[in-house]
């Protein structure tokens, strides 16, 4: 063996020894730091844990109460009240529009059924449309009397406010 190799071989056992000594010393220091004795009894430790839990619960309650108060203040603000009023009004308007549309459809169906029952009017195509309670009759009529009867049939249906008779007499 050459001189540098012999030196390395001799240095290794000492290095390992020093590493072991350092590891033991570090472990001893760590264990001594952990040896902080808690001389409290189990009951004292339990009382301490209960006190910390109660304090955390009180803090959570206070935060919850504050958040609830903030939410109530925002809900009671004039802008929120105005928004709620706007939503209510929009819902009423939508309800009235739907009710009007359903009412107009029912009127159209009733007028069409009434016209279909008349022997002179059932054989011809009369277009019936209703908007806001006003019935519009369009198409051919076999005679002036049939045109007038169609208008009377339409006026006899509940919910009709007026009749726009655009029937053309063909004959």
N, C-alpha and C. Protein backbone atom coordinates (compact mmCIF):
# COMPACT_ATOMS: atom_id res chain seq x y z
N UNK A 1 0.83 -1.18 0.00
CA UNK A 1 0.00 0.00 0.00
C UNK A 1 0.86 1.23 0.00
N UNK A 2 0.31 2.22 -0.65
CA UNK A 2 1.05 3.49 -0.69
C UNK A 2 0.74 4.26 0.57
N UNK A 3 1.50 5.28 0.81
CA UNK A 3 1.35 6.07 2.05
C UNK A 3 -0.01 6.74 2.13
N UNK A 4 -0.49 7.36 1.08
CA UNK A 4 -1.80 8.00 1.23
C UNK A 4 -2.90 6.98 1.50
N UNK A 5 -2.82 5.79 0.97
CA UNK A 5 -3.85 4.78 1.18
C UNK A 5 -3.82 4.31 2.63
N UNK A 6 -2.62 4.16 3.17
CA UNK A 6 -2.51 3.74 4.55
C UNK A 6 -3.11 4.79 5.46
N UNK A 7 -2.89 6.05 5.16
CA UNK A 7 -3.42 7.14 5.99
C UNK A 7 -4.94 7.10 5.98
N UNK A 8 -5.51 6.89 4.80
CA UNK A 8 -6.97 6.83 4.70
C UNK A 8 -7.52 5.65 5.50
N UNK A 9 -6.86 4.51 5.42
CA UNK A 9 -7.32 3.34 6.14
C UNK A 9 -7.27 3.58 7.65
N UNK A 10 -6.26 4.27 8.10
CA UNK A 10 -6.14 4.56 9.52
C UNK A 10 -7.14 5.62 9.96
N UNK A 11 -7.47 6.56 9.07
CA UNK A 11 -8.36 7.66 9.43
C UNK A 11 -9.81 7.20 9.53
N UNK A 12 -10.18 6.19 8.83
CA UNK A 12 -11.57 5.75 8.82
C UNK A 12 -12.07 5.28 10.18
N UNK A 13 -11.36 4.47 10.89
CA UNK A 13 -11.89 4.04 12.19
C UNK A 13 -12.08 5.22 13.13
N UNK A 14 -11.21 6.19 13.10
CA UNK A 14 -11.35 7.35 13.98
C UNK A 14 -12.54 8.20 13.56
N UNK A 15 -12.78 8.32 12.29
CA UNK A 15 -13.91 9.11 11.80
C UNK A 15 -15.20 8.47 12.26
N UNK A 16 -15.28 7.19 12.14
CA UNK A 16 -16.49 6.49 12.57
C UNK A 16 -16.69 6.64 14.07
N UNK A 17 -15.63 6.58 14.80
CA UNK A 17 -15.69 6.73 16.25
C UNK A 17 -16.21 8.12 16.62
N UNK A 18 -15.64 9.13 15.96
CA UNK A 18 -16.08 10.50 16.25
C UNK A 18 -17.55 10.70 15.86
N UNK A 19 -17.95 10.13 14.76
CA UNK A 19 -19.36 10.24 14.37
C UNK A 19 -20.27 9.58 15.40
N UNK A 20 -19.86 8.44 15.92
CA UNK A 20 -20.65 7.76 16.94
C UNK A 20 -20.72 8.60 18.21
N UNK A 21 -19.59 9.19 18.62
CA UNK A 21 -19.56 10.04 19.82
C UNK A 21 -20.48 11.24 19.62
N UNK A 22 -20.40 11.85 18.47
CA UNK A 22 -21.26 13.02 18.19
C UNK A 22 -22.74 12.63 18.19
N UNK A 23 -23.07 11.48 17.64
CA UNK A 23 -24.45 11.01 17.61
C UNK A 23 -24.96 10.77 19.02
N UNK A 24 -24.13 10.16 19.87
CA UNK A 24 -24.55 9.89 21.25
C UNK A 24 -24.72 11.20 22.00
N UNK A 25 -23.81 12.13 21.81
CA UNK A 25 -23.91 13.41 22.50
C UNK A 25 -25.16 14.17 22.05
N UNK A 26 -25.43 14.15 20.75
CA UNK A 26 -26.64 14.82 20.23
C UNK A 26 -27.90 14.20 20.79
N UNK A 27 -27.92 12.87 20.86
CA UNK A 27 -29.08 12.17 21.41
C UNK A 27 -29.28 12.50 22.88
N UNK A 28 -28.18 12.58 23.61
CA UNK A 28 -28.27 12.91 25.03
C UNK A 28 -28.82 14.31 25.24
N UNK A 29 -28.35 15.24 24.44
CA UNK A 29 -28.87 16.61 24.53
C UNK A 29 -30.37 16.65 24.22
N UNK A 30 -30.78 15.92 23.20
CA UNK A 30 -32.19 15.90 22.83
C UNK A 30 -33.04 15.31 23.95
N UNK A 31 -32.56 14.23 24.54
CA UNK A 31 -33.30 13.60 25.63
C UNK A 31 -33.35 14.49 26.86
N UNK A 32 -32.29 15.20 27.13
CA UNK A 32 -32.29 16.07 28.30
C UNK A 32 -33.24 17.24 28.10
N UNK A 33 -33.38 17.69 26.87
CA UNK A 33 -34.32 18.79 26.59
C UNK A 33 -35.75 18.31 26.75
N UNK A 34 -36.00 17.04 26.44
CA UNK A 34 -37.35 16.49 26.57
C UNK A 34 -37.69 16.14 28.00
N UNK A 35 -36.73 16.19 28.85
CA UNK A 35 -36.96 15.77 30.23
C UNK A 35 -37.49 16.93 31.08
N UNK A 36 -38.27 17.80 30.48
CA UNK A 36 -38.89 18.87 31.26
C UNK A 36 -40.09 18.23 31.94
N UNK A 37 -39.97 17.92 33.11
CA UNK A 37 -41.02 17.19 33.82
C UNK A 37 -42.22 18.10 34.03
N UNK A 38 -43.38 17.53 33.73
CA UNK A 38 -44.64 18.22 33.98
C UNK A 38 -45.16 17.60 35.27
N UNK A 39 -44.97 18.30 36.34
CA UNK A 39 -45.28 17.75 37.65
C UNK A 39 -46.75 17.83 37.99
N UNK A 40 -47.61 18.18 37.00
CA UNK A 40 -49.04 18.29 37.29
C UNK A 40 -49.66 16.89 37.32
N UNK A 41 -50.73 16.78 38.08
CA UNK A 41 -51.44 15.51 38.15
C UNK A 41 -52.33 15.39 36.92
N UNK A 42 -52.89 14.21 36.72
CA UNK A 42 -53.77 13.99 35.57
C UNK A 42 -55.01 14.88 35.68
N UNK A 43 -55.51 15.09 36.86
CA UNK A 43 -56.67 15.96 37.07
C UNK A 43 -56.36 17.40 36.70
N UNK A 44 -55.16 17.85 37.07
CA UNK A 44 -54.76 19.23 36.74
C UNK A 44 -54.61 19.39 35.24
N UNK A 45 -54.06 18.39 34.60
CA UNK A 45 -53.92 18.44 33.14
C UNK A 45 -55.30 18.47 32.47
N UNK A 46 -56.23 17.67 33.00
CA UNK A 46 -57.59 17.64 32.46
C UNK A 46 -58.28 18.98 32.66
N UNK A 47 -58.12 19.56 33.87
CA UNK A 47 -58.72 20.87 34.14
C UNK A 47 -58.17 21.93 33.19
N UNK A 48 -56.89 21.85 32.92
CA UNK A 48 -56.25 22.82 32.00
C UNK A 48 -56.82 22.65 30.59
N UNK A 49 -56.99 21.41 30.15
CA UNK A 49 -57.53 21.16 28.81
C UNK A 49 -58.97 21.64 28.71
N UNK A 50 -59.76 21.42 29.77
CA UNK A 50 -61.15 21.88 29.78
C UNK A 50 -61.20 23.41 29.72
N UNK A 51 -60.33 24.07 30.47
CA UNK A 51 -60.30 25.53 30.47
C UNK A 51 -59.95 26.07 29.08
N UNK A 52 -58.99 25.45 28.41
CA UNK A 52 -58.62 25.89 27.06
C UNK A 52 -59.77 25.67 26.08
N UNK A 53 -60.48 24.55 26.22
CA UNK A 53 -61.63 24.26 25.36
C UNK A 53 -62.75 25.26 25.57
N UNK A 54 -63.02 25.58 26.84
CA UNK A 54 -64.06 26.58 27.14
C UNK A 54 -63.69 27.94 26.57
N UNK A 55 -62.43 28.30 26.67
CA UNK A 55 -61.98 29.59 26.13
C UNK A 55 -62.14 29.61 24.61
N UNK A 56 -61.81 28.52 23.95
CA UNK A 56 -61.97 28.45 22.49
C UNK A 56 -63.45 28.52 22.12
N UNK A 57 -64.31 27.87 22.91
CA UNK A 57 -65.75 27.93 22.63
C UNK A 57 -66.29 29.34 22.81
N UNK A 58 -65.82 30.03 23.86
CA UNK A 58 -66.26 31.42 24.08
C UNK A 58 -65.82 32.32 22.93
N UNK A 59 -64.61 32.13 22.46
CA UNK A 59 -64.10 32.93 21.33
C UNK A 59 -64.93 32.65 20.08
N UNK A 60 -65.23 31.39 19.82
CA UNK A 60 -66.04 31.03 18.65
C UNK A 60 -67.44 31.62 18.76
N UNK A 61 -68.04 31.59 19.96
CA UNK A 61 -69.37 32.15 20.17
C UNK A 61 -69.36 33.66 19.89
N UNK A 62 -68.35 34.34 20.41
CA UNK A 62 -68.25 35.79 20.19
C UNK A 62 -68.12 36.12 18.71
N UNK A 63 -67.30 35.37 18.00
CA UNK A 63 -67.13 35.61 16.56
C UNK A 63 -68.43 35.33 15.81
N UNK A 64 -69.13 34.25 16.20
CA UNK A 64 -70.40 33.91 15.55
C UNK A 64 -71.44 35.00 15.79
N UNK A 65 -71.52 35.49 17.04
CA UNK A 65 -72.47 36.57 17.34
C UNK A 65 -72.15 37.82 16.53
N UNK A 66 -70.87 38.14 16.40
CA UNK A 66 -70.48 39.33 15.63
C UNK A 66 -70.84 39.15 14.15
N UNK A 67 -70.60 37.96 13.61
CA UNK A 67 -70.93 37.71 12.21
C UNK A 67 -72.44 37.77 11.99
N UNK A 68 -73.21 37.27 12.95
CA UNK A 68 -74.67 37.32 12.84
C UNK A 68 -75.16 38.76 12.89
N UNK A 69 -74.57 39.56 13.77
CA UNK A 69 -74.94 40.97 13.85
C UNK A 69 -74.60 41.70 12.56
N UNK A 70 -73.44 41.40 11.98
CA UNK A 70 -73.06 42.02 10.70
C UNK A 70 -74.02 41.62 9.59
N UNK A 71 -74.39 40.35 9.55
CA UNK A 71 -75.32 39.87 8.52
C UNK A 71 -76.68 40.52 8.67
N UNK A 72 -77.15 40.67 9.93
CA UNK A 72 -78.45 41.30 10.17
C UNK A 72 -78.41 42.76 9.75
N UNK A 73 -77.32 43.43 10.04
CA UNK A 73 -77.20 44.84 9.65
C UNK A 73 -77.24 44.98 8.13
N UNK A 74 -76.58 44.08 7.43
CA UNK A 74 -76.60 44.14 5.97
C UNK A 74 -77.98 43.82 5.43
N UNK A 75 -78.66 42.84 6.05
CA UNK A 75 -80.01 42.46 5.59
C UNK A 75 -81.01 43.57 5.85
N UNK A 76 -80.79 44.35 6.91
CA UNK A 76 -81.71 45.45 7.24
C UNK A 76 -81.41 46.73 6.47
N UNK A 77 -80.39 46.70 5.64
CA UNK A 77 -80.01 47.92 4.92
C UNK A 77 -81.08 48.28 3.88
N UNK A 78 -81.22 49.56 3.59
CA UNK A 78 -82.24 50.01 2.63
C UNK A 78 -82.06 49.39 1.24
N UNK A 79 -80.83 49.19 0.81
CA UNK A 79 -80.62 48.64 -0.53
C UNK A 79 -81.13 47.21 -0.62
N UNK A 80 -80.97 46.43 0.45
CA UNK A 80 -81.48 45.06 0.44
C UNK A 80 -83.00 45.08 0.46
N UNK A 81 -83.58 45.96 1.28
CA UNK A 81 -85.05 46.06 1.32
C UNK A 81 -85.60 46.45 -0.05
N UNK A 82 -84.94 47.39 -0.72
CA UNK A 82 -85.38 47.80 -2.06
C UNK A 82 -85.27 46.63 -3.04
N UNK A 83 -84.19 45.87 -2.91
CA UNK A 83 -84.01 44.71 -3.78
C UNK A 83 -85.10 43.68 -3.58
N UNK A 84 -85.46 43.43 -2.33
CA UNK A 84 -86.54 42.49 -2.03
C UNK A 84 -87.85 43.00 -2.59
N UNK A 85 -88.10 44.29 -2.44
CA UNK A 85 -89.34 44.87 -2.98
C UNK A 85 -89.37 44.73 -4.51
N UNK A 86 -88.23 44.96 -5.15
CA UNK A 86 -88.16 44.82 -6.61
C UNK A 86 -88.44 43.38 -7.04
N UNK A 87 -87.91 42.43 -6.29
CA UNK A 87 -88.13 41.02 -6.62
C UNK A 87 -89.61 40.67 -6.46
N UNK A 88 -90.22 41.16 -5.38
CA UNK A 88 -91.65 40.90 -5.17
C UNK A 88 -92.48 41.49 -6.31
N UNK A 89 -92.16 42.71 -6.71
CA UNK A 89 -92.91 43.36 -7.79
C UNK A 89 -92.71 42.60 -9.11
N UNK A 90 -91.49 42.18 -9.37
CA UNK A 90 -91.22 41.42 -10.60
C UNK A 90 -91.99 40.10 -10.59
N UNK A 91 -92.06 39.46 -9.43
CA UNK A 91 -92.81 38.20 -9.33
C UNK A 91 -94.30 38.44 -9.58
N UNK A 92 -94.84 39.54 -9.03
CA UNK A 92 -96.25 39.85 -9.27
C UNK A 92 -96.50 40.11 -10.76
N UNK A 93 -95.60 40.89 -11.37
CA UNK A 93 -95.76 41.19 -12.80
C UNK A 93 -95.68 39.92 -13.64
N UNK A 94 -94.73 39.05 -13.30
CA UNK A 94 -94.59 37.79 -14.04
C UNK A 94 -95.84 36.94 -13.85
N UNK A 95 -96.36 36.91 -12.64
CA UNK A 95 -97.58 36.15 -12.38
C UNK A 95 -98.75 36.69 -13.17
N UNK A 96 -98.85 38.02 -13.23
CA UNK A 96 -99.94 38.63 -13.99
C UNK A 96 -99.78 38.33 -15.48
N UNK A 97 -98.55 38.37 -15.98
CA UNK A 97 -98.31 38.08 -17.39
C UNK A 97 -98.66 36.63 -17.72
N UNK A 98 -98.26 35.72 -16.86
CA UNK A 98 -98.58 34.31 -17.08
C UNK A 98 -100.09 34.10 -17.01
N UNK A 99 -100.69 34.73 -16.01
CA UNK A 99 -102.15 34.61 -15.86
C UNK A 99 -102.86 35.17 -17.09
N UNK A 100 -102.36 36.32 -17.59
CA UNK A 100 -102.95 36.91 -18.79
C UNK A 100 -102.78 36.01 -20.00
N UNK A 101 -101.59 35.41 -20.14
CA UNK A 101 -101.34 34.52 -21.28
C UNK A 101 -102.23 33.28 -21.20
N UNK A 102 -102.38 32.72 -20.00
CA UNK A 102 -103.23 31.56 -19.83
C UNK A 102 -104.68 31.95 -20.09
N UNK A 103 -105.08 33.14 -19.59
CA UNK A 103 -106.44 33.62 -19.83
C UNK A 103 -106.71 33.82 -21.31
N UNK A 104 -105.78 34.43 -22.03
CA UNK A 104 -105.94 34.64 -23.47
C UNK A 104 -106.03 33.31 -24.21
N UNK A 105 -105.21 32.33 -23.81
CA UNK A 105 -105.25 31.03 -24.47
C UNK A 105 -106.60 30.34 -24.21
N UNK A 106 -107.09 30.48 -22.99
CA UNK A 106 -108.39 29.87 -22.66
C UNK A 106 -109.52 30.54 -23.46
N UNK A 107 -109.44 31.86 -23.60
CA UNK A 107 -110.46 32.58 -24.38
C UNK A 107 -110.42 32.12 -25.83
N UNK A 108 -109.20 32.05 -26.41
CA UNK A 108 -109.05 31.61 -27.80
C UNK A 108 -109.65 30.21 -27.99
N UNK A 109 -109.36 29.31 -27.06
CA UNK A 109 -109.88 27.94 -27.16
C UNK A 109 -111.41 27.94 -27.06
N UNK A 110 -111.96 28.74 -26.15
CA UNK A 110 -113.42 28.78 -25.98
C UNK A 110 -114.11 29.36 -27.21
N UNK A 111 -113.54 30.42 -27.79
CA UNK A 111 -114.14 31.02 -29.00
C UNK A 111 -114.07 30.03 -30.16
N UNK A 112 -112.91 29.37 -30.32
CA UNK A 112 -112.75 28.39 -31.40
C UNK A 112 -113.75 27.25 -31.24
N UNK A 113 -113.97 26.80 -30.02
CA UNK A 113 -114.94 25.72 -29.77
C UNK A 113 -116.35 26.19 -30.10
N UNK A 114 -116.68 27.43 -29.72
CA UNK A 114 -118.00 27.98 -30.02
C UNK A 114 -118.24 28.10 -31.52
N UNK A 115 -117.22 28.53 -32.25
CA UNK A 115 -117.34 28.65 -33.71
C UNK A 115 -117.49 27.27 -34.35
N UNK A 116 -116.81 26.27 -33.81
CA UNK A 116 -116.89 24.91 -34.37
C UNK A 116 -118.28 24.31 -34.19
N UNK A 117 -119.03 24.76 -33.20
CA UNK A 117 -120.38 24.24 -32.95
C UNK A 117 -121.42 24.83 -33.92
N UNK A 118 -121.11 25.97 -34.52
CA UNK A 118 -122.05 26.62 -35.45
C UNK A 118 -121.97 25.92 -36.80
N UNK A 119 -123.12 25.50 -37.37
CA UNK A 119 -123.09 24.75 -38.64
C UNK A 119 -122.54 25.56 -39.81
N UNK A 120 -122.77 26.88 -39.86
CA UNK A 120 -122.27 27.69 -40.97
C UNK A 120 -120.79 28.05 -40.81
N UNK A 121 -120.30 28.11 -39.57
CA UNK A 121 -118.92 28.56 -39.33
C UNK A 121 -117.94 27.40 -39.13
N UNK A 122 -118.42 26.20 -38.81
CA UNK A 122 -117.53 25.09 -38.52
C UNK A 122 -116.80 24.58 -39.75
N UNK A 123 -117.36 24.76 -40.90
CA UNK A 123 -116.76 24.23 -42.13
C UNK A 123 -115.68 25.16 -42.68
N UNK A 124 -115.59 26.39 -42.19
CA UNK A 124 -114.60 27.33 -42.72
C UNK A 124 -113.47 27.56 -41.71
N UNK A 125 -112.38 28.04 -42.25
CA UNK A 125 -111.20 28.29 -41.41
C UNK A 125 -111.21 29.73 -40.92
N UNK A 126 -111.50 29.91 -39.63
CA UNK A 126 -111.45 31.25 -39.01
C UNK A 126 -110.29 31.23 -38.02
N UNK A 127 -109.37 32.17 -38.20
CA UNK A 127 -108.25 32.31 -37.27
C UNK A 127 -108.72 33.13 -36.08
N UNK A 128 -108.49 32.61 -34.88
CA UNK A 128 -108.88 33.29 -33.65
C UNK A 128 -107.60 33.57 -32.86
N UNK A 129 -107.42 34.82 -32.49
CA UNK A 129 -106.27 35.21 -31.67
C UNK A 129 -106.79 36.11 -30.56
N UNK A 130 -106.19 36.04 -29.38
CA UNK A 130 -106.62 36.85 -28.25
C UNK A 130 -105.41 37.51 -27.61
N UNK A 131 -105.51 38.80 -27.38
CA UNK A 131 -104.45 39.55 -26.70
C UNK A 131 -105.10 40.49 -25.70
N UNK A 132 -104.79 40.25 -24.42
CA UNK A 132 -105.32 41.12 -23.37
C UNK A 132 -106.84 41.12 -23.31
N UNK A 133 -107.47 40.03 -23.67
CA UNK A 133 -108.92 39.93 -23.64
C UNK A 133 -109.61 40.36 -24.92
N UNK A 134 -108.85 40.93 -25.86
CA UNK A 134 -109.42 41.34 -27.15
C UNK A 134 -109.27 40.19 -28.14
N UNK A 135 -110.41 39.74 -28.70
CA UNK A 135 -110.42 38.63 -29.65
C UNK A 135 -110.36 39.20 -31.06
N UNK A 136 -109.46 38.64 -31.88
CA UNK A 136 -109.32 39.04 -33.28
C UNK A 136 -109.76 37.85 -34.13
N UNK A 137 -110.76 38.08 -34.96
CA UNK A 137 -111.26 37.05 -35.88
C UNK A 137 -110.81 37.41 -37.28
N UNK A 138 -110.17 36.45 -37.98
CA UNK A 138 -109.70 36.69 -39.35
C UNK A 138 -110.04 35.48 -40.22
N UNK A 139 -110.31 35.74 -41.48
CA UNK A 139 -110.60 34.66 -42.41
C UNK A 139 -111.90 34.93 -43.16
N UNK A 140 -112.38 33.92 -43.89
CA UNK A 140 -113.60 34.10 -44.68
C UNK A 140 -114.87 33.82 -43.85
N UNK A 141 -115.95 34.46 -44.23
CA UNK A 141 -117.27 34.19 -43.65
C UNK A 141 -118.22 33.94 -44.82
N UNK A 142 -119.10 32.94 -44.74
CA UNK A 142 -119.98 32.62 -45.86
C UNK A 142 -121.05 33.69 -46.11
N UNK A 143 -121.37 34.48 -45.08
CA UNK A 143 -122.40 35.52 -45.25
C UNK A 143 -122.21 36.58 -44.17
N UNK A 144 -122.89 37.71 -44.34
CA UNK A 144 -122.84 38.78 -43.36
C UNK A 144 -123.44 38.30 -42.04
N UNK A 145 -124.49 37.47 -42.11
CA UNK A 145 -125.12 36.93 -40.91
C UNK A 145 -124.14 36.02 -40.16
N UNK A 146 -123.37 35.21 -40.90
CA UNK A 146 -122.39 34.32 -40.27
C UNK A 146 -121.28 35.13 -39.62
N UNK A 147 -120.90 36.24 -40.28
CA UNK A 147 -119.87 37.13 -39.73
C UNK A 147 -120.35 37.70 -38.40
N UNK A 148 -121.61 38.14 -38.36
CA UNK A 148 -122.17 38.70 -37.14
C UNK A 148 -122.31 37.64 -36.05
N UNK A 149 -122.72 36.42 -36.42
CA UNK A 149 -122.83 35.32 -35.45
C UNK A 149 -121.46 35.00 -34.85
N UNK A 150 -120.41 35.00 -35.64
CA UNK A 150 -119.06 34.73 -35.15
C UNK A 150 -118.67 35.77 -34.09
N UNK A 151 -119.01 37.03 -34.37
CA UNK A 151 -118.70 38.10 -33.41
C UNK A 151 -119.49 37.90 -32.11
N UNK A 152 -120.75 37.52 -32.21
CA UNK A 152 -121.59 37.30 -31.02
C UNK A 152 -121.10 36.09 -30.21
N UNK A 153 -120.67 35.06 -30.91
CA UNK A 153 -120.12 33.89 -30.21
C UNK A 153 -118.88 34.30 -29.41
N UNK A 154 -118.02 35.09 -30.04
CA UNK A 154 -116.80 35.54 -29.36
C UNK A 154 -117.15 36.43 -28.17
N UNK A 155 -118.10 37.36 -28.32
CA UNK A 155 -118.48 38.26 -27.23
C UNK A 155 -119.10 37.49 -26.06
N UNK A 156 -119.67 36.33 -26.32
CA UNK A 156 -120.32 35.54 -25.28
C UNK A 156 -119.36 34.74 -24.41
N UNK A 157 -118.10 34.73 -24.75
CA UNK A 157 -117.12 33.98 -23.97
C UNK A 157 -116.64 34.83 -22.80
N UNK A 158 -116.58 34.21 -21.61
CA UNK A 158 -116.15 34.92 -20.41
C UNK A 158 -114.70 35.38 -20.54
N UNK A 159 -114.45 36.63 -20.17
CA UNK A 159 -113.10 37.20 -20.22
C UNK A 159 -112.85 38.05 -21.44
N UNK A 160 -113.75 38.01 -22.44
CA UNK A 160 -113.58 38.80 -23.66
C UNK A 160 -113.95 40.24 -23.34
N UNK A 161 -113.02 41.16 -23.64
CA UNK A 161 -113.30 42.58 -23.41
C UNK A 161 -113.77 43.27 -24.67
N UNK A 162 -113.33 42.79 -25.83
CA UNK A 162 -113.79 43.35 -27.11
C UNK A 162 -113.48 42.35 -28.22
N UNK A 163 -114.11 42.58 -29.39
CA UNK A 163 -113.89 41.70 -30.54
C UNK A 163 -113.52 42.57 -31.74
N UNK A 164 -112.42 42.22 -32.38
CA UNK A 164 -111.99 42.88 -33.63
C UNK A 164 -112.34 41.90 -34.75
N UNK A 165 -113.49 42.12 -35.39
CA UNK A 165 -114.01 41.19 -36.40
C UNK A 165 -113.46 41.57 -37.77
N UNK A 166 -112.45 40.84 -38.26
CA UNK A 166 -111.82 41.09 -39.55
C UNK A 166 -112.25 40.04 -40.58
N UNK A 167 -113.35 39.34 -40.31
CA UNK A 167 -113.83 38.32 -41.25
C UNK A 167 -114.29 39.00 -42.54
N UNK A 168 -114.00 38.36 -43.67
CA UNK A 168 -114.41 38.88 -44.98
C UNK A 168 -115.51 37.99 -45.53
N UNK A 169 -116.60 38.63 -45.91
CA UNK A 169 -117.73 37.88 -46.46
C UNK A 169 -117.38 37.44 -47.85
N UNK A 170 -117.46 36.13 -48.12
CA UNK A 170 -117.17 35.54 -49.42
C UNK A 170 -118.45 34.90 -49.92
N UNK A 171 -119.10 35.53 -50.81
CA UNK A 171 -120.31 34.88 -51.29
C UNK A 171 -121.23 35.71 -52.07
